[in-house]
C-alpha atoms as a PDB file:
ATOM      1  CA  UNK A   1    -115.589-109.519  57.038  1.00  0.00           C
ATOM      2  CA  UNK A   2    -113.858-107.699  59.872  1.00  0.00           C
ATOM      3  CA  UNK A   3    -113.209-109.882  62.907  1.00  0.00           C
ATOM      4  CA  UNK A   4    -114.703-109.332  66.343  1.00  0.00           C
ATOM      5  CA  UNK A   5    -111.358-108.040  67.592  1.00  0.00           C
ATOM      6  CA  UNK A   6    -111.126-105.571  64.716  1.00  0.00           C
ATOM      7  CA  UNK A   7    -114.620-104.297  65.412  1.00  0.00           C
ATOM      8  CA  UNK A   8    -114.016-103.932  69.141  1.00  0.00           C
ATOM      9  CA  UNK A   9    -110.732-102.137  68.499  1.00  0.00           C
ATOM     10  CA  UNK A  10    -112.530 -99.743  66.152  1.00  0.00           C
ATOM     11  CA  UNK A  11    -115.349 -99.077  68.635  1.00  0.00           C
ATOM     12  CA  UNK A  12    -112.981 -98.497  71.558  1.00  0.00           C
ATOM     13  CA  UNK A  13    -110.326 -96.542  69.653  1.00  0.00           C
ATOM     14  CA  UNK A  14    -112.946 -94.216  68.175  1.00  0.00           C
ATOM     15  CA  UNK A  15    -114.249 -93.522  71.667  1.00  0.00           C
ATOM     16  CA  UNK A  16    -110.783 -93.122  73.166  1.00  0.00           C
ATOM     17  CA  UNK A  17    -109.813 -90.542  70.547  1.00  0.00           C
ATOM     18  CA  UNK A  18    -112.982 -88.471  70.965  1.00  0.00           C
ATOM     19  CA  UNK A  19    -113.062 -86.244  74.026  1.00  0.00           C
ATOM     20  CA  UNK A  20    -116.842 -86.125  73.896  1.00  0.00           C
ATOM     21  CA  UNK A  21    -117.051 -89.861  74.605  1.00  0.00           C
ATOM     22  CA  UNK A  22    -116.352 -90.612  78.271  1.00  0.00           C
ATOM     23  CA  UNK A  23    -117.325 -94.269  78.546  1.00  0.00           C
ATOM     24  CA  UNK A  24    -118.340 -97.248  76.417  1.00  0.00           C
ATOM     25  CA  UNK A  25    -120.722-100.055  77.368  1.00  0.00           C
ATOM     26  CA  UNK A  26    -121.575-103.153  75.365  1.00  0.00           C
ATOM     27  CA  UNK A  27    -124.556-105.410  75.981  1.00  0.00           C
ATOM     28  CA  UNK A  28    -126.618-107.962  74.065  1.00  0.00           C
ATOM     29  CA  UNK A  29    -125.733-111.415  72.779  1.00  0.00           C
ATOM     30  CA  UNK A  30    -122.060-110.570  72.170  1.00  0.00           C
ATOM     31  CA  UNK A  31    -121.505-110.483  75.930  1.00  0.00           C
ATOM     32  CA  UNK A  32    -123.882-113.343  76.778  1.00  0.00           C
ATOM     33  CA  UNK A  33    -121.795-116.381  77.734  1.00  0.00           C
ATOM     34  CA  UNK A  34    -124.759-118.664  77.017  1.00  0.00           C
ATOM     35  CA  UNK A  35    -125.553-117.353  73.527  1.00  0.00           C
ATOM     36  CA  UNK A  36    -124.288-119.347  70.521  1.00  0.00           C
ATOM     37  CA  UNK A  37    -121.552-117.370  68.798  1.00  0.00           C
ATOM     38  CA  UNK A  38    -121.761-116.599  65.090  1.00  0.00           C
ATOM     39  CA  UNK A  39    -121.036-113.823  62.591  1.00  0.00           C
ATOM     40  CA  UNK A  40    -124.625-112.520  62.615  1.00  0.00           C
ATOM     41  CA  UNK A  41    -124.373-111.186  66.154  1.00  0.00           C
ATOM     42  CA  UNK A  42    -124.450-107.414  66.226  1.00  0.00           C
ATOM     43  CA  UNK A  43    -122.527-105.070  68.496  1.00  0.00           C
ATOM     44  CA  UNK A  44    -124.898-103.366  70.943  1.00  0.00           C
ATOM     45  CA  UNK A  45    -122.896-100.371  72.110  1.00  0.00           C
ATOM     46  CA  UNK A  46    -123.567 -97.295  74.243  1.00  0.00           C
ATOM     47  CA  UNK A  47    -121.319 -94.263  74.037  1.00  0.00           C
ATOM     48  CA  UNK A  48    -121.666 -92.180  77.203  1.00  0.00           C
ATOM     49  CA  UNK A  49    -121.070 -88.652  75.900  1.00  0.00           C
ATOM     50  CA  UNK A  50    -120.751 -85.117  77.227  1.00  0.00           C
ATOM     51  CA  UNK A  51    -123.510 -84.018  74.826  1.00  0.00           C
ATOM     52  CA  UNK A  52    -125.368 -85.293  71.745  1.00  0.00           C
ATOM     53  CA  UNK A  53    -125.898 -82.146  69.679  1.00  0.00           C
ATOM     54  CA  UNK A  54    -122.493 -81.997  68.007  1.00  0.00           C
ATOM     55  CA  UNK A  55    -122.829 -85.625  66.867  1.00  0.00           C
ATOM     56  CA  UNK A  56    -126.302 -84.996  65.472  1.00  0.00           C
ATOM     57  CA  UNK A  57    -125.106 -81.868  63.676  1.00  0.00           C
ATOM     58  CA  UNK A  58    -122.596 -83.985  61.737  1.00  0.00           C
ATOM     59  CA  UNK A  59    -124.510 -87.037  60.401  1.00  0.00           C
ATOM     60  CA  UNK A  60    -121.465 -88.240  58.469  1.00  0.00           C
ATOM     61  CA  UNK A  61    -119.367 -88.908  61.557  1.00  0.00           C
ATOM     62  CA  UNK A  62    -120.474 -92.560  61.625  1.00  0.00           C
ATOM     63  CA  UNK A  63    -118.689 -93.224  58.308  1.00  0.00           C
ATOM     64  CA  UNK A  64    -115.592 -94.096  60.317  1.00  0.00           C
ATOM     65  CA  UNK A  65    -117.231 -97.366  61.321  1.00  0.00           C
ATOM     66  CA  UNK A  66    -117.317 -98.706  57.757  1.00  0.00           C
ATOM     67  CA  UNK A  67    -119.200 -98.791  54.468  1.00  0.00           C
ATOM     68  CA  UNK A  68    -122.912 -98.838  55.149  1.00  0.00           C
ATOM     69  CA  UNK A  69    -125.355-101.230  53.507  1.00  0.00           C
ATOM     70  CA  UNK A  70    -128.331 -99.630  55.216  1.00  0.00           C
ATOM     71  CA  UNK A  71    -128.845 -97.204  58.083  1.00  0.00           C
ATOM     72  CA  UNK A  72    -131.829 -96.657  60.346  1.00  0.00           C
ATOM     73  CA  UNK A  73    -132.284 -93.756  62.745  1.00  0.00           C
ATOM     74  CA  UNK A  74    -135.190 -94.873  64.954  1.00  0.00           C
ATOM     75  CA  UNK A  75    -135.301 -91.544  66.803  1.00  0.00           C
ATOM     76  CA  UNK A  76    -136.064 -89.755  63.526  1.00  0.00           C
ATOM     77  CA  UNK A  77    -138.894 -92.054  62.481  1.00  0.00           C
ATOM     78  CA  UNK A  78    -142.627 -91.542  62.793  1.00  0.00           C
ATOM     79  CA  UNK A  79    -143.673 -95.098  61.913  1.00  0.00           C
ATOM     80  CA  UNK A  80    -142.819 -96.823  64.122  1.00  0.00           C
ATOM     81  CA  UNK A  81    -142.455 -93.876  66.499  1.00  0.00           C
ATOM     82  CA  UNK A  82    -139.451 -93.659  68.840  1.00  0.00           C
ATOM     83  CA  UNK A  83    -139.697 -95.622  72.064  1.00  0.00           C
ATOM     84  CA  UNK A  84    -140.547 -93.114  74.833  1.00  0.00           C
ATOM     85  CA  UNK A  85    -138.225 -94.864  77.290  1.00  0.00           C
ATOM     86  CA  UNK A  86    -135.289 -94.118  74.951  1.00  0.00           C
ATOM     87  CA  UNK A  87    -135.956 -90.370  74.779  1.00  0.00           C
ATOM     88  CA  UNK A  88    -132.691 -89.515  76.571  1.00  0.00           C
ATOM     89  CA  UNK A  89    -130.513 -91.318  74.048  1.00  0.00           C
ATOM     90  CA  UNK A  90    -129.992 -91.254  70.276  1.00  0.00           C
ATOM     91  CA  UNK A  91    -129.490 -94.441  68.305  1.00  0.00           C
ATOM     92  CA  UNK A  92    -127.746 -95.357  65.042  1.00  0.00           C
ATOM     93  CA  UNK A  93    -128.591 -98.801  63.630  1.00  0.00           C
ATOM     94  CA  UNK A  94    -125.804 -99.541  61.162  1.00  0.00           C
ATOM     95  CA  UNK A  95    -125.614-102.569  58.862  1.00  0.00           C
ATOM     96  CA  UNK A  96    -122.287-102.636  57.018  1.00  0.00           C
ATOM     97  CA  UNK A  97    -121.382-104.074  53.642  1.00  0.00           C
ATOM     98  CA  UNK A  98    -118.998-106.614  55.187  1.00  0.00           C
ATOM     99  CA  UNK A  99    -121.830-108.188  57.211  1.00  0.00           C
ATOM    100  CA  UNK A 100    -121.069-106.563  60.548  1.00  0.00           C
ATOM    101  CA  UNK A 101    -123.705-104.538  62.372  1.00  0.00           C
ATOM    102  CA  UNK A 102    -123.428-101.957  65.144  1.00  0.00           C
ATOM    103  CA  UNK A 103    -126.384-100.648  67.134  1.00  0.00           C
ATOM    104  CA  UNK A 104    -124.838 -97.545  68.683  1.00  0.00           C
ATOM    105  CA  UNK A 105    -126.606 -95.328  71.217  1.00  0.00           C
ATOM    106  CA  UNK A 106    -125.429 -91.945  72.482  1.00  0.00           C
ATOM    107  CA  UNK A 107    -126.307 -91.341  76.129  1.00  0.00           C
ATOM    108  CA  UNK A 108    -125.402 -88.047  77.838  1.00  0.00           C
ATOM    109  CA  UNK A 109    -123.406 -88.334  81.055  1.00  0.00           C
ATOM    110  CA  UNK A 110    -126.165 -86.462  82.876  1.00  0.00           C
ATOM    111  CA  UNK A 111    -128.658 -89.181  81.948  1.00  0.00           C
ATOM    112  CA  UNK A 112    -126.638 -92.143  83.192  1.00  0.00           C
ATOM    113  CA  UNK A 113    -129.150 -92.640  85.984  1.00  0.00           C
ATOM    114  CA  UNK A 114    -131.772 -93.342  83.299  1.00  0.00           C
ATOM    115  CA  UNK A 115    -129.826 -96.344  82.019  1.00  0.00           C
ATOM    116  CA  UNK A 116    -131.947 -99.430  82.564  1.00  0.00           C
ATOM    117  CA  UNK A 117    -130.459-102.308  84.536  1.00  0.00           C
ATOM    118  CA  UNK A 118    -129.247-105.017  82.194  1.00  0.00           C
ATOM    119  CA  UNK A 119    -127.542-108.190  83.366  1.00  0.00           C
ATOM    120  CA  UNK A 120    -125.841-108.342  79.952  1.00  0.00           C
ATOM    121  CA  UNK A 121    -123.607-105.306  80.492  1.00  0.00           C
ATOM    122  CA  UNK A 122    -119.865-105.073  79.927  1.00  0.00           C
ATOM    123  CA  UNK A 123    -117.704-101.952  80.346  1.00  0.00           C
ATOM    124  CA  UNK A 124    -115.318-101.485  77.421  1.00  0.00           C
ATOM    125  CA  UNK A 125    -113.988 -98.063  78.416  1.00  0.00           C
ATOM    126  CA  UNK A 126    -114.444 -95.682  81.357  1.00  0.00           C
ATOM    127  CA  UNK A 127    -112.237 -92.601  81.188  1.00  0.00           C
ATOM    128  CA  UNK A 128    -113.520 -90.956  84.365  1.00  0.00           C
ATOM    129  CA  UNK A 129    -114.732 -93.792  86.569  1.00  0.00           C
ATOM    130  CA  UNK A 130    -118.331 -92.866  85.800  1.00  0.00           C
ATOM    131  CA  UNK A 131    -119.721 -96.373  85.613  1.00  0.00           C
ATOM    132  CA  UNK A 132    -120.554 -98.740  88.465  1.00  0.00           C
ATOM    133  CA  UNK A 133    -118.749-102.039  88.767  1.00  0.00           C
ATOM    134  CA  UNK A 134    -121.001-104.360  86.799  1.00  0.00           C
ATOM    135  CA  UNK A 135    -121.094-108.071  87.674  1.00  0.00           C
ATOM    136  CA  UNK A 136    -119.910-110.469  84.973  1.00  0.00           C
ATOM    137  CA  UNK A 137    -122.439-110.467  82.106  1.00  0.00           C
ATOM    138  CA  UNK A 138    -125.108-113.147  82.289  1.00  0.00           C
ATOM    139  CA  UNK A 139    -128.627-113.679  80.990  1.00  0.00           C
ATOM    140  CA  UNK A 140    -129.991-113.899  84.549  1.00  0.00           C
ATOM    141  CA  UNK A 141    -132.070-110.751  84.017  1.00  0.00           C
ATOM    142  CA  UNK A 142    -133.864-112.366  81.077  1.00  0.00           C
ATOM    143  CA  UNK A 143    -134.803-115.691  82.660  1.00  0.00           C
ATOM    144  CA  UNK A 144    -138.603-116.084  82.850  1.00  0.00           C
ATOM    145  CA  UNK A 145    -140.095-115.710  86.297  1.00  0.00           C
ATOM    146  CA  UNK A 146    -143.211-117.633  87.376  1.00  0.00           C
ATOM    147  CA  UNK A 147    -146.393-115.807  86.351  1.00  0.00           C
ATOM    148  CA  UNK A 148    -148.570-114.048  88.870  1.00  0.00           C
ATOM    149  CA  UNK A 149    -152.222-115.046  88.974  1.00  0.00           C
ATOM    150  CA  UNK A 150    -153.069-111.830  87.130  1.00  0.00           C
ATOM    151  CA  UNK A 151    -150.464-112.409  84.417  1.00  0.00           C
ATOM    152  CA  UNK A 152    -151.644-115.971  83.915  1.00  0.00           C
ATOM    153  CA  UNK A 153    -155.300-114.931  83.731  1.00  0.00           C
ATOM    154  CA  UNK A 154    -154.577-112.147  81.255  1.00  0.00           C
ATOM    155  CA  UNK A 155    -152.580-114.466  79.013  1.00  0.00           C
ATOM    156  CA  UNK A 156    -155.166-117.258  78.927  1.00  0.00           C
ATOM    157  CA  UNK A 157    -158.043-114.798  78.578  1.00  0.00           C
ATOM    158  CA  UNK A 158    -156.449-112.974  75.656  1.00  0.00           C
ATOM    159  CA  UNK A 159    -155.535-116.239  73.930  1.00  0.00           C
ATOM    160  CA  UNK A 160    -159.029-117.725  73.999  1.00  0.00           C
ATOM    161  CA  UNK A 161    -160.696-114.369  73.344  1.00  0.00           C
ATOM    162  CA  UNK A 162    -158.767-113.892  70.086  1.00  0.00           C
ATOM    163  CA  UNK A 163    -159.319-117.422  68.726  1.00  0.00           C
ATOM    164  CA  UNK A 164    -162.766-116.631  67.216  1.00  0.00           C
ATOM    165  CA  UNK A 165    -161.268-113.711  65.279  1.00  0.00           C
ATOM    166  CA  UNK A 166    -159.168-116.183  63.305  1.00  0.00           C
ATOM    167  CA  UNK A 167    -162.159-118.460  62.701  1.00  0.00           C
ATOM    168  CA  UNK A 168    -164.195-115.475  61.488  1.00  0.00           C
ATOM    169  CA  UNK A 169    -161.443-114.458  59.063  1.00  0.00           C
ATOM    170  CA  UNK A 170    -161.107-117.985  57.707  1.00  0.00           C
ATOM    171  CA  UNK A 171    -164.857-118.423  57.169  1.00  0.00           C
ATOM    172  CA  UNK A 172    -165.016-115.049  55.407  1.00  0.00           C
ATOM    173  CA  UNK A 173    -162.139-116.156  53.172  1.00  0.00           C
ATOM    174  CA  UNK A 174    -159.929-113.345  54.548  1.00  0.00           C
ATOM    175  CA  UNK A 175    -156.632-115.186  54.851  1.00  0.00           C
ATOM    176  CA  UNK A 176    -154.464-112.090  55.428  1.00  0.00           C
ATOM    177  CA  UNK A 177    -156.628-110.959  58.338  1.00  0.00           C
ATOM    178  CA  UNK A 178    -156.819-114.462  59.830  1.00  0.00           C
ATOM    179  CA  UNK A 179    -153.091-115.073  59.662  1.00  0.00           C
ATOM    180  CA  UNK A 180    -152.345-111.649  61.105  1.00  0.00           C
ATOM    181  CA  UNK A 181    -154.413-112.435  64.189  1.00  0.00           C
ATOM    182  CA  UNK A 182    -153.017-115.964  64.460  1.00  0.00           C
ATOM    183  CA  UNK A 183    -149.362-115.082  64.021  1.00  0.00           C
ATOM    184  CA  UNK A 184    -149.332-111.831  65.961  1.00  0.00           C
ATOM    185  CA  UNK A 185    -151.899-111.667  68.748  1.00  0.00           C
ATOM    186  CA  UNK A 186    -152.362-115.373  69.461  1.00  0.00           C
ATOM    187  CA  UNK A 187    -148.731-116.305  69.020  1.00  0.00           C
ATOM    188  CA  UNK A 188    -147.648-113.559  71.400  1.00  0.00           C
ATOM    189  CA  UNK A 189    -149.635-115.217  74.187  1.00  0.00           C
ATOM    190  CA  UNK A 190    -148.484-118.701  73.205  1.00  0.00           C
ATOM    191  CA  UNK A 191    -144.815-117.707  73.344  1.00  0.00           C
ATOM    192  CA  UNK A 192    -145.378-116.034  76.712  1.00  0.00           C
ATOM    193  CA  UNK A 193    -146.903-119.258  78.050  1.00  0.00           C
ATOM    194  CA  UNK A 194    -144.041-121.284  76.560  1.00  0.00           C
ATOM    195  CA  UNK A 195    -141.531-119.083  78.393  1.00  0.00           C
ATOM    196  CA  UNK A 196    -143.315-119.759  81.691  1.00  0.00           C
ATOM    197  CA  UNK A 197    -143.507-123.454  80.891  1.00  0.00           C
ATOM    198  CA  UNK A 198    -139.780-123.691  80.158  1.00  0.00           C
ATOM    199  CA  UNK A 199    -139.134-121.789  83.378  1.00  0.00           C
ATOM    200  CA  UNK A 200    -141.200-124.303  85.304  1.00  0.00           C
ATOM    201  CA  UNK A 201    -139.445-127.248  83.660  1.00  0.00           C
ATOM    202  CA  UNK A 202    -135.941-125.891  84.274  1.00  0.00           C
ATOM    203  CA  UNK A 203    -136.364-124.339  87.696  1.00  0.00           C
ATOM    204  CA  UNK A 204    -136.216-120.857  86.166  1.00  0.00           C
ATOM    205  CA  UNK A 205    -132.559-121.224  85.252  1.00  0.00           C
ATOM    206  CA  UNK A 206    -132.519-120.732  81.475  1.00  0.00           C
ATOM    207  CA  UNK A 207    -133.440-118.034  78.964  1.00  0.00           C
ATOM    208  CA  UNK A 208    -135.393-119.419  75.950  1.00  0.00           C
ATOM    209  CA  UNK A 209    -134.003-116.622  73.775  1.00  0.00           C
ATOM    210  CA  UNK A 210    -135.448-113.536  72.187  1.00  0.00           C
ATOM    211  CA  UNK A 211    -138.787-114.414  70.536  1.00  0.00           C
ATOM    212  CA  UNK A 212    -138.311-118.009  71.696  1.00  0.00           C
ATOM    213  CA  UNK A 213    -135.411-118.764  69.366  1.00  0.00           C
ATOM    214  CA  UNK A 214    -133.926-121.392  71.721  1.00  0.00           C
ATOM    215  CA  UNK A 215    -137.205-123.151  72.527  1.00  0.00           C
ATOM    216  CA  UNK A 216    -136.233-126.269  70.591  1.00  0.00           C
ATOM    217  CA  UNK A 217    -133.487-126.900  73.181  1.00  0.00           C
ATOM    218  CA  UNK A 218    -135.915-126.920  76.108  1.00  0.00           C
ATOM    219  CA  UNK A 219    -139.227-128.340  74.875  1.00  0.00           C
ATOM    220  CA  UNK A 220    -140.069-132.032  74.808  1.00  0.00           C
ATOM    221  CA  UNK A 221    -139.821-133.294  71.191  1.00  0.00           C
ATOM    222  CA  UNK A 222    -143.586-133.797  70.876  1.00  0.00           C
ATOM    223  CA  UNK A 223    -144.271-130.253  72.066  1.00  0.00           C
ATOM    224  CA  UNK A 224    -141.672-128.869  69.686  1.00  0.00           C
ATOM    225  CA  UNK A 225    -143.311-130.709  66.791  1.00  0.00           C
ATOM    226  CA  UNK A 226    -146.703-129.365  67.861  1.00  0.00           C
ATOM    227  CA  UNK A 227    -145.271-125.850  67.932  1.00  0.00           C
ATOM    228  CA  UNK A 228    -144.038-126.294  64.352  1.00  0.00           C
ATOM    229  CA  UNK A 229    -147.559-127.315  63.342  1.00  0.00           C
ATOM    230  CA  UNK A 230    -148.823-123.883  64.428  1.00  0.00           C
ATOM    231  CA  UNK A 231    -147.017-122.314  61.465  1.00  0.00           C
ATOM    232  CA  UNK A 232    -148.929-122.554  58.200  1.00  0.00           C
ATOM    233  CA  UNK A 233    -148.724-121.341  54.635  1.00  0.00           C
ATOM    234  CA  UNK A 234    -151.485-119.371  52.910  1.00  0.00           C
ATOM    235  CA  UNK A 235    -153.770-122.371  52.478  1.00  0.00           C
ATOM    236  CA  UNK A 236    -157.107-122.100  54.327  1.00  0.00           C
ATOM    237  CA  UNK A 237    -157.193-125.729  55.429  1.00  0.00           C
ATOM    238  CA  UNK A 238    -153.617-125.575  56.657  1.00  0.00           C
ATOM    239  CA  UNK A 239    -154.380-122.399  58.579  1.00  0.00           C
ATOM    240  CA  UNK A 240    -157.373-124.047  60.260  1.00  0.00           C
ATOM    241  CA  UNK A 241    -155.072-126.919  61.248  1.00  0.00           C
ATOM    242  CA  UNK A 242    -152.518-124.458  62.611  1.00  0.00           C
ATOM    243  CA  UNK A 243    -155.186-122.675  64.653  1.00  0.00           C
ATOM    244  CA  UNK A 244    -156.349-125.914  66.257  1.00  0.00           C
ATOM    245  CA  UNK A 245    -152.748-127.021  66.849  1.00  0.00           C
ATOM    246  CA  UNK A 246    -152.075-123.752  68.625  1.00  0.00           C
ATOM    247  CA  UNK A 247    -155.006-124.346  70.951  1.00  0.00           C
ATOM    248  CA  UNK A 248    -153.851-127.885  71.658  1.00  0.00           C
ATOM    249  CA  UNK A 249    -150.309-126.769  72.465  1.00  0.00           C
ATOM    250  CA  UNK A 250    -151.549-123.886  74.619  1.00  0.00           C
ATOM    251  CA  UNK A 251    -153.680-126.118  76.849  1.00  0.00           C
ATOM    252  CA  UNK A 252    -150.979-128.807  77.063  1.00  0.00           C
ATOM    253  CA  UNK A 253    -148.569-126.343  78.630  1.00  0.00           C
ATOM    254  CA  UNK A 254    -150.987-124.013  80.427  1.00  0.00           C
ATOM    255  CA  UNK A 255    -152.814-126.698  82.436  1.00  0.00           C
ATOM    256  CA  UNK A 256    -149.712-128.248  84.090  1.00  0.00           C
ATOM    257  CA  UNK A 257    -148.403-124.729  84.677  1.00  0.00           C
ATOM    258  CA  UNK A 258    -151.593-123.845  86.544  1.00  0.00           C
ATOM    259  CA  UNK A 259    -151.411-127.041  88.578  1.00  0.00           C
ATOM    260  CA  UNK A 260    -147.762-126.429  89.465  1.00  0.00           C
ATOM    261  CA  UNK A 261    -148.208-122.839  90.619  1.00  0.00           C
ATOM    262  CA  UNK A 262    -151.700-123.126  92.084  1.00  0.00           C
ATOM    263  CA  UNK A 263    -153.354-121.046  89.360  1.00  0.00           C
ATOM    264  CA  UNK A 264    -156.733-121.414  87.670  1.00  0.00           C
ATOM    265  CA  UNK A 265    -156.987-122.596  84.075  1.00  0.00           C
ATOM    266  CA  UNK A 266    -160.172-121.403  82.261  1.00  0.00           C
ATOM    267  CA  UNK A 267    -161.486-124.822  81.244  1.00  0.00           C
ATOM    268  CA  UNK A 268    -164.894-123.381  80.401  1.00  0.00           C
ATOM    269  CA  UNK A 269    -163.493-120.757  78.035  1.00  0.00           C
ATOM    270  CA  UNK A 270    -161.305-123.389  76.375  1.00  0.00           C
ATOM    271  CA  UNK A 271    -164.179-125.847  75.880  1.00  0.00           C
ATOM    272  CA  UNK A 272    -166.670-123.297  74.586  1.00  0.00           C
ATOM    273  CA  UNK A 273    -164.249-121.540  72.247  1.00  0.00           C
ATOM    274  CA  UNK A 274    -162.806-124.810  70.919  1.00  0.00           C
ATOM    275  CA  UNK A 275    -166.302-126.089  70.148  1.00  0.00           C
ATOM    276  CA  UNK A 276    -167.086-122.788  68.416  1.00  0.00           C
ATOM    277  CA  UNK A 277    -164.028-123.122  66.193  1.00  0.00           C
ATOM    278  CA  UNK A 278    -165.058-126.574  65.022  1.00  0.00           C
ATOM    279  CA  UNK A 279    -168.583-125.332  64.399  1.00  0.00           C
ATOM    280  CA  UNK A 280    -167.423-122.374  62.310  1.00  0.00           C
ATOM    281  CA  UNK A 281    -165.067-124.592  60.335  1.00  0.00           C
ATOM    282  CA  UNK A 282    -168.004-126.812  59.387  1.00  0.00           C
ATOM    283  CA  UNK A 283    -170.296-123.911  58.430  1.00  0.00           C
ATOM    284  CA  UNK A 284    -171.110-123.926  54.700  1.00  0.00           C
ATOM    285  CA  UNK A 285    -170.096-120.867  52.721  1.00  0.00           C
ATOM    286  CA  UNK A 286    -173.731-119.979  52.047  1.00  0.00           C
ATOM    287  CA  UNK A 287    -174.799-120.133  55.711  1.00  0.00           C
ATOM    288  CA  UNK A 288    -177.240-117.374  56.667  1.00  0.00           C
ATOM    289  CA  UNK A 289    -176.866-117.793  60.422  1.00  0.00           C
ATOM    290  CA  UNK A 290    -173.986-118.804  62.703  1.00  0.00           C
ATOM    291  CA  UNK A 291    -176.173-121.010  64.954  1.00  0.00           C
END
């Protein structure tokens, strides 16, 4: 596997030798001083270029970066469609046979003003002094901020609204549907609330990681164990247990959060929905009516 220094030399030398490339920026976990370092970290790179068309006309130009295992061109895809906010750039997602990965974006010089602010930004090359002087990279831009009343309401409302969908799927014996709702829509709100909770507990000084990957470091052991209980296999009983565990964890973090920031927790929604879940779980399979 090529070393970090070898990869950086390749990225910078390629840019230095190509007149179309005027600057190089790197962001992501490789420049995050607080991120654990390992060989899975990819290289998130932006080439600031005079134009994109000549690169796109020669798809094979990326071969210089190494032997590909798999390539994705998100701007060429229809499912999922390209992100509208990335319409000014063109991205190559390259996984190489030696284990390294480069996510390389081409951004025209004329679109530099469209570059989103990112606290994890490091200049690797600037031939013409095009780039501003970035502060030292940090994850400060990713640290959770306290929720507004509207954000908190929307999160709690969506969480308790979606709970009965899972119960419905489990009673109907539709495990794929039930787990999809549980692990996508409900978990999204749970993780959001966990971010806010960690922010509250740490004075908004730490980043729990993309998709909550560092949560174990910041949650009390009992809350971490409860979070693990929200993940189930394909067993119906286990999935019911995971659903109820998710509700328990949600209220245990959402209530103190509301008290701390002067927000309003929907106790009524919680009580009514939780009672409904237990009722549906006890419904016999041959029930003709819900109530």
